[in-house]
Amino acid sequence: MPRSGLQREVIALYRRALRMVKTKPEPVRHKFLLYVQFTFRQNASLVPPRDVSTIEHLLRKGRRQLEMYEDPGVKDCFVSKDMVEWEERWRRGTTNASIHTQTR
């Protein structure tokens, strides 16, 4: 199924954010990656796909945030306890899923 214009914009913003992560110093890349993944996945789980105005708002907000993080002067970002806990749950879930598919 072809993607809508809004879906393409979200994917483009996500890819741009992932490229930004690669420009950051190696010791803190994981923090930037976690921030990007957490933010996108949380918003995806909280906002219904048909809520176009909210998605457009989040796209504008995301672009502004990304412009700030793309600045070469930004060398670190804050990772909350919630983000770390989310990552641990997410990794356990993906690890369990991969184990189940390998045993079948």
PDB file of N, CA and C in Angstrom:
ATOM      1  N   MET A   1       0.843  -1.168   0.000  1.00  0.00           N
ATOM      2  CA  MET A   1       0.000   0.000   0.000  1.00  0.00           C
ATOM      3  C   MET A   1       0.898   1.245   0.000  1.00  0.00           C
ATOM      4  N   PRO A   2       0.619   2.213  -0.867  1.00  0.00           N
ATOM      5  CA  PRO A   2       1.444   3.421  -0.906  1.00  0.00           C
ATOM      6  C   PRO A   2       1.273   4.251   0.369  1.00  0.00           C
ATOM      7  N   ARG A   3       2.338   4.897   0.748  1.00  0.00           N
ATOM      8  CA  ARG A   3       2.315   5.717   1.959  1.00  0.00           C
ATOM      9  C   ARG A   3       1.706   7.086   1.664  1.00  0.00           C
ATOM     10  N   SER A   4       1.041   7.642   2.677  1.00  0.00           N
ATOM     11  CA  SER A   4       0.484   8.985   2.537  1.00  0.00           C
ATOM     12  C   SER A   4       1.616  10.003   2.650  1.00  0.00           C
ATOM     13  N   GLY A   5       1.322  11.233   2.293  1.00  0.00           N
ATOM     14  CA  GLY A   5       2.321  12.290   2.407  1.00  0.00           C
ATOM     15  C   GLY A   5       2.781  12.474   3.840  1.00  0.00           C
ATOM     16  N   LEU A   6       1.852  12.355   4.775  1.00  0.00           N
ATOM     17  CA  LEU A   6       2.185  12.508   6.190  1.00  0.00           C
ATOM     18  C   LEU A   6       3.105  11.381   6.659  1.00  0.00           C
ATOM     19  N   GLN A   7       2.822  10.155   6.225  1.00  0.00           N
ATOM     20  CA  GLN A   7       3.683   9.029   6.591  1.00  0.00           C
ATOM     21  C   GLN A   7       5.095   9.236   6.054  1.00  0.00           C
ATOM     22  N   ARG A   8       5.191   9.711   4.814  1.00  0.00           N
ATOM     23  CA  ARG A   8       6.516   9.960   4.229  1.00  0.00           C
ATOM     24  C   ARG A   8       7.264  11.036   5.009  1.00  0.00           C
ATOM     25  N   GLU A   9       6.546  12.062   5.466  1.00  0.00           N
ATOM     26  CA  GLU A   9       7.183  13.123   6.252  1.00  0.00           C
ATOM     27  C   GLU A   9       7.713  12.588   7.581  1.00  0.00           C
ATOM     28  N   VAL A  10       6.929  11.744   8.242  1.00  0.00           N
ATOM     29  CA  VAL A  10       7.354  11.168   9.525  1.00  0.00           C
ATOM     30  C   VAL A  10       8.589  10.298   9.317  1.00  0.00           C
ATOM     31  N   ILE A  11       8.569   9.468   8.288  1.00  0.00           N
ATOM     32  CA  ILE A  11       9.709   8.593   8.011  1.00  0.00           C
ATOM     33  C   ILE A  11      10.942   9.421   7.662  1.00  0.00           C
ATOM     34  N   ALA A  12      10.761  10.477   6.877  1.00  0.00           N
ATOM     35  CA  ALA A  12      11.890  11.342   6.513  1.00  0.00           C
ATOM     36  C   ALA A  12      12.484  12.003   7.758  1.00  0.00           C
ATOM     37  N   LEU A  13      11.627  12.447   8.669  1.00  0.00           N
ATOM     38  CA  LEU A  13      12.116  13.066   9.902  1.00  0.00           C
ATOM     39  C   LEU A  13      12.870  12.050  10.749  1.00  0.00           C
ATOM     40  N   TYR A  14      12.357  10.827  10.828  1.00  0.00           N
ATOM     41  CA  TYR A  14      13.021   9.768  11.601  1.00  0.00           C
ATOM     42  C   TYR A  14      14.395   9.456  11.006  1.00  0.00           C
ATOM     43  N   ARG A  15      14.467   9.331   9.695  1.00  0.00           N
ATOM     44  CA  ARG A  15      15.752   9.043   9.042  1.00  0.00           C
ATOM     45  C   ARG A  15      16.740  10.189   9.259  1.00  0.00           C
ATOM     46  N   ARG A  16      16.242  11.422   9.180  1.00  0.00           N
ATOM     47  CA  ARG A  16      17.103  12.583   9.426  1.00  0.00           C
ATOM     48  C   ARG A  16      17.627  12.554  10.859  1.00  0.00           C
ATOM     49  N   ALA A  17      16.780  12.170  11.794  1.00  0.00           N
ATOM     50  CA  ALA A  17      17.196  12.077  13.201  1.00  0.00           C
ATOM     51  C   ALA A  17      18.254  10.991  13.375  1.00  0.00           C
ATOM     52  N   LEU A  18      18.089   9.862  12.690  1.00  0.00           N
ATOM     53  CA  LEU A  18      19.089   8.795  12.781  1.00  0.00           C
ATOM     54  C   LEU A  18      20.423   9.239  12.177  1.00  0.00           C
ATOM     55  N   ARG A  19      20.369  10.016  11.099  1.00  0.00           N
ATOM     56  CA  ARG A  19      21.617  10.546  10.522  1.00  0.00           C
ATOM     57  C   ARG A  19      22.286  11.521  11.485  1.00  0.00           C
ATOM     58  N   MET A  20      21.481  12.307  12.209  1.00  0.00           N
ATOM     59  CA  MET A  20      22.025  13.236  13.197  1.00  0.00           C
ATOM     60  C   MET A  20      22.779  12.473  14.274  1.00  0.00           C
ATOM     61  N   VAL A  21      22.250  11.333  14.696  1.00  0.00           N
ATOM     62  CA  VAL A  21      22.891  10.531  15.746  1.00  0.00           C
ATOM     63  C   VAL A  21      24.315  10.177  15.339  1.00  0.00           C
ATOM     64  N   LYS A  22      24.515   9.856  14.067  1.00  0.00           N
ATOM     65  CA  LYS A  22      25.838   9.455  13.581  1.00  0.00           C
ATOM     66  C   LYS A  22      26.860  10.586  13.630  1.00  0.00           C
ATOM     67  N   THR A  23      26.393  11.830  13.745  1.00  0.00           N
ATOM     68  CA  THR A  23      27.319  12.967  13.786  1.00  0.00           C
ATOM     69  C   THR A  23      27.794  13.275  15.203  1.00  0.00           C
ATOM     70  N   LYS A  24      27.213  12.627  16.188  1.00  0.00           N
ATOM     71  CA  LYS A  24      27.542  12.919  17.585  1.00  0.00           C
ATOM     72  C   LYS A  24      28.740  12.098  18.044  1.00  0.00           C
ATOM     73  N   PRO A  25      29.425  12.548  19.110  1.00  0.00           N
ATOM     74  CA  PRO A  25      30.589  11.811  19.616  1.00  0.00           C
ATOM     75  C   PRO A  25      30.208  10.376  20.001  1.00  0.00           C
ATOM     76  N   GLU A  26      31.090   9.452  19.707  1.00  0.00           N
ATOM     77  CA  GLU A  26      30.840   8.021  19.936  1.00  0.00           C
ATOM     78  C   GLU A  26      30.340   7.704  21.354  1.00  0.00           C
ATOM     79  N   PRO A  27      30.943   8.280  22.406  1.00  0.00           N
ATOM     80  CA  PRO A  27      30.504   7.904  23.769  1.00  0.00           C
ATOM     81  C   PRO A  27      29.039   8.244  24.088  1.00  0.00           C
ATOM     82  N   VAL A  28      28.452   9.205  23.373  1.00  0.00           N
ATOM     83  CA  VAL A  28      27.076   9.612  23.695  1.00  0.00           C
ATOM     84  C   VAL A  28      26.070   9.259  22.600  1.00  0.00           C
ATOM     85  N   ARG A  29      26.502   8.598  21.542  1.00  0.00           N
ATOM     86  CA  ARG A  29      25.576   8.253  20.451  1.00  0.00           C
ATOM     87  C   ARG A  29      24.404   7.415  20.946  1.00  0.00           C
ATOM     88  N   HIS A  30      24.689   6.498  21.857  1.00  0.00           N
ATOM     89  CA  HIS A  30      23.612   5.639  22.357  1.00  0.00           C
ATOM     90  C   HIS A  30      22.518   6.473  23.018  1.00  0.00           C
ATOM     91  N   LYS A  31      22.909   7.520  23.739  1.00  0.00           N
ATOM     92  CA  LYS A  31      21.914   8.378  24.390  1.00  0.00           C
ATOM     93  C   LYS A  31      21.048   9.090  23.351  1.00  0.00           C
ATOM     94  N   PHE A  32      21.682   9.613  22.302  1.00  0.00           N
ATOM     95  CA  PHE A  32      20.917  10.282  21.248  1.00  0.00           C
ATOM     96  C   PHE A  32      19.992   9.291  20.540  1.00  0.00           C
ATOM     97  N   LEU A  33      20.504   8.093  20.265  1.00  0.00           N
ATOM     98  CA  LEU A  33      19.689   7.076  19.597  1.00  0.00           C
ATOM     99  C   LEU A  33      18.494   6.691  20.464  1.00  0.00           C
ATOM    100  N   LEU A  34      18.727   6.492  21.737  1.00  0.00           N
ATOM    101  CA  LEU A  34      17.641   6.153  22.654  1.00  0.00           C
ATOM    102  C   LEU A  34      16.601   7.268  22.690  1.00  0.00           C
ATOM    103  N   TYR A  35      17.053   8.510  22.747  1.00  0.00           N
ATOM    104  CA  TYR A  35      16.137   9.651  22.762  1.00  0.00           C
ATOM    105  C   TYR A  35      15.253   9.642  21.506  1.00  0.00           C
ATOM    106  N   VAL A  36      15.876   9.442  20.337  1.00  0.00           N
ATOM    107  CA  VAL A  36      15.130   9.444  19.073  1.00  0.00           C
ATOM    108  C   VAL A  36      14.129   8.292  19.041  1.00  0.00           C
ATOM    109  N   GLN A  37      14.586   7.086  19.338  1.00  0.00           N
ATOM    110  CA  GLN A  37      13.699   5.925  19.289  1.00  0.00           C
ATOM    111  C   GLN A  37      12.544   6.057  20.275  1.00  0.00           C
ATOM    112  N   PHE A  38      12.860   6.444  21.493  1.00  0.00           N
ATOM    113  CA  PHE A  38      11.832   6.582  22.525  1.00  0.00           C
ATOM    114  C   PHE A  38      10.783   7.609  22.100  1.00  0.00           C
ATOM    115  N   THR A  39      11.245   8.768  21.640  1.00  0.00           N
ATOM    116  CA  THR A  39      10.328   9.845  21.283  1.00  0.00           C
ATOM    117  C   THR A  39       9.392   9.422  20.154  1.00  0.00           C
ATOM    118  N   PHE A  40       9.945   8.839  19.108  1.00  0.00           N
ATOM    119  CA  PHE A  40       9.104   8.432  17.982  1.00  0.00           C
ATOM    120  C   PHE A  40       8.145   7.316  18.369  1.00  0.00           C
ATOM    121  N   ARG A  41       8.633   6.320  19.075  1.00  0.00           N
ATOM    122  CA  ARG A  41       7.768   5.183  19.412  1.00  0.00           C
ATOM    123  C   ARG A  41       6.686   5.575  20.423  1.00  0.00           C
ATOM    124  N   GLN A  42       7.024   6.426  21.377  1.00  0.00           N
ATOM    125  CA  GLN A  42       6.016   6.884  22.339  1.00  0.00           C
ATOM    126  C   GLN A  42       4.914   7.646  21.623  1.00  0.00           C
ATOM    127  N   ASN A  43       5.313   8.581  20.754  1.00  0.00           N
ATOM    128  CA  ASN A  43       4.299   9.355  20.037  1.00  0.00           C
ATOM    129  C   ASN A  43       3.467   8.463  19.126  1.00  0.00           C
ATOM    130  N   ALA A  44       4.109   7.485  18.494  1.00  0.00           N
ATOM    131  CA  ALA A  44       3.371   6.575  17.609  1.00  0.00           C
ATOM    132  C   ALA A  44       2.340   5.767  18.389  1.00  0.00           C
ATOM    133  N   SER A  45       2.670   5.413  19.626  1.00  0.00           N
ATOM    134  CA  SER A  45       1.731   4.607  20.412  1.00  0.00           C
ATOM    135  C   SER A  45       0.624   5.450  21.042  1.00  0.00           C
ATOM    136  N   LEU A  46       0.847   6.744  21.177  1.00  0.00           N
ATOM    137  CA  LEU A  46      -0.134   7.600  21.846  1.00  0.00           C
ATOM    138  C   LEU A  46      -1.074   8.331  20.890  1.00  0.00           C
ATOM    139  N   VAL A  47      -0.650   8.519  19.637  1.00  0.00           N
ATOM    140  CA  VAL A  47      -1.432   9.324  18.699  1.00  0.00           C
ATOM    141  C   VAL A  47      -2.083   8.413  17.655  1.00  0.00           C
ATOM    142  N   PRO A  48      -3.398   8.466  17.540  1.00  0.00           N
ATOM    143  CA  PRO A  48      -4.070   7.655  16.518  1.00  0.00           C
ATOM    144  C   PRO A  48      -3.636   8.087  15.106  1.00  0.00           C
ATOM    145  N   PRO A  49      -3.508   7.154  14.177  1.00  0.00           N
ATOM    146  CA  PRO A  49      -3.051   7.481  12.823  1.00  0.00           C
ATOM    147  C   PRO A  49      -3.943   8.485  12.085  1.00  0.00           C
ATOM    148  N   ARG A  50      -5.189   8.568  12.462  1.00  0.00           N
ATOM    149  CA  ARG A  50      -6.106   9.489  11.777  1.00  0.00           C
ATOM    150  C   ARG A  50      -6.132  10.893  12.396  1.00  0.00           C
ATOM    151  N   ASP A  51      -5.390  11.098  13.453  1.00  0.00           N
ATOM    152  CA  ASP A  51      -5.339  12.407  14.114  1.00  0.00           C
ATOM    153  C   ASP A  51      -4.299  13.284  13.411  1.00  0.00           C
ATOM    154  N   VAL A  52      -4.668  13.756  12.232  1.00  0.00           N
ATOM    155  CA  VAL A  52      -3.741  14.462  11.348  1.00  0.00           C
ATOM    156  C   VAL A  52      -3.199  15.739  11.981  1.00  0.00           C
ATOM    157  N   SER A  53      -4.043  16.505  12.640  1.00  0.00           N
ATOM    158  CA  SER A  53      -3.577  17.777  13.203  1.00  0.00           C
ATOM    159  C   SER A  53      -2.530  17.553  14.292  1.00  0.00           C
ATOM    160  N   THR A  54      -2.702  16.539  15.118  1.00  0.00           N
ATOM    161  CA  THR A  54      -1.710  16.241  16.155  1.00  0.00           C
ATOM    162  C   THR A  54      -0.408  15.762  15.525  1.00  0.00           C
ATOM    163  N   ILE A  55      -0.508  14.932  14.503  1.00  0.00           N
ATOM    164  CA  ILE A  55       0.697  14.438  13.828  1.00  0.00           C
ATOM    165  C   ILE A  55       1.446  15.600  13.177  1.00  0.00           C
ATOM    166  N   GLU A  56       0.713  16.508  12.544  1.00  0.00           N
ATOM    167  CA  GLU A  56       1.355  17.679  11.938  1.00  0.00           C
ATOM    168  C   GLU A  56       2.039  18.531  13.000  1.00  0.00           C
ATOM    169  N   HIS A  57       1.377  18.701  14.139  1.00  0.00           N
ATOM    170  CA  HIS A  57       1.975  19.456  15.246  1.00  0.00           C
ATOM    171  C   HIS A  57       3.265  18.785  15.718  1.00  0.00           C
ATOM    172  N   LEU A  58       3.222  17.461  15.895  1.00  0.00           N
ATOM    173  CA  LEU A  58       4.410  16.734  16.350  1.00  0.00           C
ATOM    174  C   LEU A  58       5.535  16.792  15.317  1.00  0.00           C
ATOM    175  N   LEU A  59       5.187  16.807  14.038  1.00  0.00           N
ATOM    176  CA  LEU A  59       6.206  16.954  12.996  1.00  0.00           C
ATOM    177  C   LEU A  59       6.902  18.310  13.103  1.00  0.00           C
ATOM    178  N   ARG A  60       6.119  19.371  13.279  1.00  0.00           N
ATOM    179  CA  ARG A  60       6.720  20.707  13.418  1.00  0.00           C
ATOM    180  C   ARG A  60       7.617  20.766  14.651  1.00  0.00           C
ATOM    181  N   LYS A  61       7.108  20.237  15.757  1.00  0.00           N
ATOM    182  CA  LYS A  61       7.878  20.219  17.003  1.00  0.00           C
ATOM    183  C   LYS A  61       9.159  19.390  16.826  1.00  0.00           C
ATOM    184  N   GLY A  62       9.034  18.237  16.178  1.00  0.00           N
ATOM    185  CA  GLY A  62      10.185  17.367  15.949  1.00  0.00           C
ATOM    186  C   GLY A  62      11.238  18.023  15.078  1.00  0.00           C
ATOM    187  N   ARG A  63      10.807  18.732  14.042  1.00  0.00           N
ATOM    188  CA  ARG A  63      11.768  19.431  13.171  1.00  0.00           C
ATOM    189  C   ARG A  63      12.536  20.491  13.948  1.00  0.00           C
ATOM    190  N   ARG A  64      11.821  21.235  14.791  1.00  0.00           N
ATOM    191  CA  ARG A  64      12.499  22.273  15.590  1.00  0.00           C
ATOM    192  C   ARG A  64      13.507  21.651  16.548  1.00  0.00           C
ATOM    193  N   GLN A  65      13.111  20.566  17.217  1.00  0.00           N
ATOM    194  CA  GLN A  65      14.026  19.896  18.139  1.00  0.00           C
ATOM    195  C   GLN A  65      15.235  19.355  17.396  1.00  0.00           C
ATOM    196  N   LEU A  66      14.995  18.750  16.248  1.00  0.00           N
ATOM    197  CA  LEU A  66      16.084  18.163  15.480  1.00  0.00           C
ATOM    198  C   LEU A  66      17.060  19.235  15.006  1.00  0.00           C
ATOM    199  N   GLU A  67      16.546  20.388  14.611  1.00  0.00           N
ATOM    200  CA  GLU A  67      17.434  21.485  14.210  1.00  0.00           C
ATOM    201  C   GLU A  67      18.357  21.867  15.359  1.00  0.00           C
ATOM    202  N   MET A  68      17.835  21.863  16.571  1.00  0.00           N
ATOM    203  CA  MET A  68      18.680  22.181  17.730  1.00  0.00           C
ATOM    204  C   MET A  68      19.729  21.098  17.941  1.00  0.00           C
ATOM    205  N   TYR A  69      19.325  19.832  17.868  1.00  0.00           N
ATOM    206  CA  TYR A  69      20.257  18.728  18.104  1.00  0.00           C
ATOM    207  C   TYR A  69      21.278  18.581  16.981  1.00  0.00           C
ATOM    208  N   GLU A  70      20.952  19.029  15.777  1.00  0.00           N
ATOM    209  CA  GLU A  70      21.893  18.945  14.659  1.00  0.00           C
ATOM    210  C   GLU A  70      23.049  19.926  14.805  1.00  0.00           C
ATOM    211  N   ASP A  71      22.897  20.919  15.650  1.00  0.00           N
ATOM    212  CA  ASP A  71      23.969  21.889  15.885  1.00  0.00           C
ATOM    213  C   ASP A  71      25.216  21.153  16.374  1.00  0.00           C
ATOM    214  N   PRO A  72      26.367  21.377  15.729  1.00  0.00           N
ATOM    215  CA  PRO A  72      27.596  20.690  16.149  1.00  0.00           C
ATOM    216  C   PRO A  72      27.999  20.992  17.596  1.00  0.00           C
ATOM    217  N   GLY A  73      27.503  22.080  18.154  1.00  0.00           N
ATOM    218  CA  GLY A  73      27.817  22.426  19.533  1.00  0.00           C
ATOM    219  C   GLY A  73      27.104  21.556  20.555  1.00  0.00           C
ATOM    220  N   VAL A  74      26.056  20.863  20.137  1.00  0.00           N
ATOM    221  CA  VAL A  74      25.318  19.983  21.046  1.00  0.00           C
ATOM    222  C   VAL A  74      26.056  18.653  21.100  1.00  0.00           C
ATOM    223  N   LYS A  75      26.638  18.358  22.261  1.00  0.00           N
ATOM    224  CA  LYS A  75      27.487  17.171  22.416  1.00  0.00           C
ATOM    225  C   LYS A  75      26.863  16.088  23.288  1.00  0.00           C
ATOM    226  N   ASP A  76      25.727  16.371  23.911  1.00  0.00           N
ATOM    227  CA  ASP A  76      25.115  15.394  24.811  1.00  0.00           C
ATOM    228  C   ASP A  76      23.621  15.681  24.901  1.00  0.00           C
ATOM    229  N   CYS A  77      22.861  14.707  25.358  1.00  0.00           N
ATOM    230  CA  CYS A  77      21.428  14.908  25.559  1.00  0.00           C
ATOM    231  C   CYS A  77      20.999  14.180  26.830  1.00  0.00           C
ATOM    232  N   PHE A  78      19.878  14.601  27.356  1.00  0.00           N
ATOM    233  CA  PHE A  78      19.351  14.023  28.588  1.00  0.00           C
ATOM    234  C   PHE A  78      18.545  12.772  28.266  1.00  0.00           C
ATOM    235  N   VAL A  79      18.797  11.718  29.011  1.00  0.00           N
ATOM    236  CA  VAL A  79      18.026  10.482  28.899  1.00  0.00           C
ATOM    237  C   VAL A  79      17.388  10.228  30.258  1.00  0.00           C
ATOM    238  N   SER A  80      16.066  10.210  30.281  1.00  0.00           N
ATOM    239  CA  SER A  80      15.348  10.040  31.546  1.00  0.00           C
ATOM    240  C   SER A  80      15.334   8.576  31.979  1.00  0.00           C
ATOM    241  N   LYS A  81      14.965   8.376  33.223  1.00  0.00           N
ATOM    242  CA  LYS A  81      14.823   7.024  33.765  1.00  0.00           C
ATOM    243  C   LYS A  81      13.748   6.260  32.990  1.00  0.00           C
ATOM    244  N   ASP A  82      12.670   6.957  32.609  1.00  0.00           N
ATOM    245  CA  ASP A  82      11.601   6.328  31.819  1.00  0.00           C
ATOM    246  C   ASP A  82      12.132   5.801  30.492  1.00  0.00           C
ATOM    247  N   MET A  83      13.016   6.564  29.871  1.00  0.00           N
ATOM    248  CA  MET A  83      13.589   6.138  28.591  1.00  0.00           C
ATOM    249  C   MET A  83      14.428   4.875  28.761  1.00  0.00           C
ATOM    250  N   VAL A  84      15.226   4.838  29.816  1.00  0.00           N
ATOM    251  CA  VAL A  84      16.073   3.669  30.074  1.00  0.00           C
ATOM    252  C   VAL A  84      15.204   2.445  30.362  1.00  0.00           C
ATOM    253  N   GLU A  85      14.167   2.617  31.179  1.00  0.00           N
ATOM    254  CA  GLU A  85      13.268   1.504  31.486  1.00  0.00           C
ATOM    255  C   GLU A  85      12.533   1.033  30.238  1.00  0.00           C
ATOM    256  N   TRP A  86      12.105   1.975  29.389  1.00  0.00           N
ATOM    257  CA  TRP A  86      11.436   1.620  28.139  1.00  0.00           C
ATOM    258  C   TRP A  86      12.378   0.786  27.268  1.00  0.00           C
ATOM    259  N   GLU A  87      13.637   1.218  27.180  1.00  0.00           N
ATOM    260  CA  GLU A  87      14.607   0.493  26.355  1.00  0.00           C
ATOM    261  C   GLU A  87      14.797  -0.937  26.861  1.00  0.00           C
ATOM    262  N   GLU A  88      14.880  -1.089  28.175  1.00  0.00           N
ATOM    263  CA  GLU A  88      15.052  -2.431  28.743  1.00  0.00           C
ATOM    264  C   GLU A  88      13.851  -3.316  28.411  1.00  0.00           C
ATOM    265  N   ARG A  89      12.639  -2.784  28.555  1.00  0.00           N
ATOM    266  CA  ARG A  89      11.433  -3.553  28.215  1.00  0.00           C
ATOM    267  C   ARG A  89      11.399  -3.873  26.725  1.00  0.00           C
ATOM    268  N   TRP A  90      11.745  -2.900  25.902  1.00  0.00           N
ATOM    269  CA  TRP A  90      11.722  -3.081  24.455  1.00  0.00           C
ATOM    270  C   TRP A  90      12.724  -4.157  24.032  1.00  0.00           C
ATOM    271  N   ARG A  91      13.924  -4.111  24.605  1.00  0.00           N
ATOM    272  CA  ARG A  91      14.952  -5.103  24.251  1.00  0.00           C
ATOM    273  C   ARG A  91      14.537  -6.506  24.702  1.00  0.00           C
ATOM    274  N   ARG A  92      13.952  -6.616  25.883  1.00  0.00           N
ATOM    275  CA  ARG A  92      13.469  -7.930  26.339  1.00  0.00           C
ATOM    276  C   ARG A  92      12.397  -8.452  25.397  1.00  0.00           C
ATOM    277  N   GLY A  93      11.513  -7.573  24.974  1.00  0.00           N
ATOM    278  CA  GLY A  93      10.438  -7.974  24.068  1.00  0.00           C
ATOM    279  C   GLY A  93      10.957  -8.406  22.715  1.00  0.00           C
ATOM    280  N   THR A  94      11.922  -7.678  22.158  1.00  0.00           N
ATOM    281  CA  THR A  94      12.449  -8.058  20.842  1.00  0.00           C
ATOM    282  C   THR A  94      13.318  -9.295  20.950  1.00  0.00           C
ATOM    283  N   THR A  95      14.023  -9.470  22.063  1.00  0.00           N
ATOM    284  CA  THR A  95      14.842 -10.661  22.252  1.00  0.00           C
ATOM    285  C   THR A  95      13.951 -11.889  22.344  1.00  0.00           C
ATOM    286  N   ASN A  96      12.875 -11.786  23.122  1.00  0.00           N
ATOM    287  CA  ASN A  96      11.947 -12.911  23.253  1.00  0.00           C
ATOM    288  C   ASN A  96      11.304 -13.247  21.914  1.00  0.00           C
ATOM    289  N   ALA A  97      10.955 -12.238  21.141  1.00  0.00           N
ATOM    290  CA  ALA A  97      10.331 -12.477  19.839  1.00  0.00           C
ATOM    291  C   ALA A  97      11.302 -13.187  18.904  1.00  0.00           C
ATOM    292  N   SER A  98      12.568 -12.797  18.934  1.00  0.00           N
ATOM    293  CA  SER A  98      13.528 -13.442  18.035  1.00  0.00           C
ATOM    294  C   SER A  98      13.801 -14.878  18.469  1.00  0.00           C
ATOM    295  N   ILE A  99      13.761 -15.156  19.760  1.00  0.00           N
ATOM    296  CA  ILE A  99      13.959 -16.522  20.252  1.00  0.00           C
ATOM    297  C   ILE A  99      12.809 -17.405  19.778  1.00  0.00           C
ATOM    298  N   HIS A 100      11.569 -16.883  19.853  1.00  0.00           N
ATOM    299  CA  HIS A 100      10.408 -17.670  19.441  1.00  0.00           C
ATOM    300  C   HIS A 100      10.450 -17.985  17.949  1.00  0.00           C
ATOM    301  N   THR A 101      10.895 -17.060  17.135  1.00  0.00           N
ATOM    302  CA  THR A 101      10.919 -17.317  15.694  1.00  0.00           C
ATOM    303  C   THR A 101      12.028 -18.291  15.325  1.00  0.00           C
ATOM    304  N   GLN A 102      13.103 -18.338  16.104  1.00  0.00           N
ATOM    305  CA  GLN A 102      14.201 -19.248  15.800  1.00  0.00           C
ATOM    306  C   GLN A 102      13.855 -20.687  16.158  1.00  0.00           C
ATOM    307  N   THR A 103      13.014 -20.902  17.148  1.00  0.00           N
ATOM    308  CA  THR A 103      12.697 -22.258  17.600  1.00  0.00           C
ATOM    309  C   THR A 103      11.616 -22.915  16.754  1.00  0.00           C
ATOM    310  N   ARG A 104      10.942 -22.163  15.939  1.00  0.00           N
ATOM    311  CA  ARG A 104       9.854 -22.732  15.125  1.00  0.00           C
ATOM    312  C   ARG A 104      10.367 -23.321  13.852  1.00  0.00           C
TER     313      ARG A 104
END
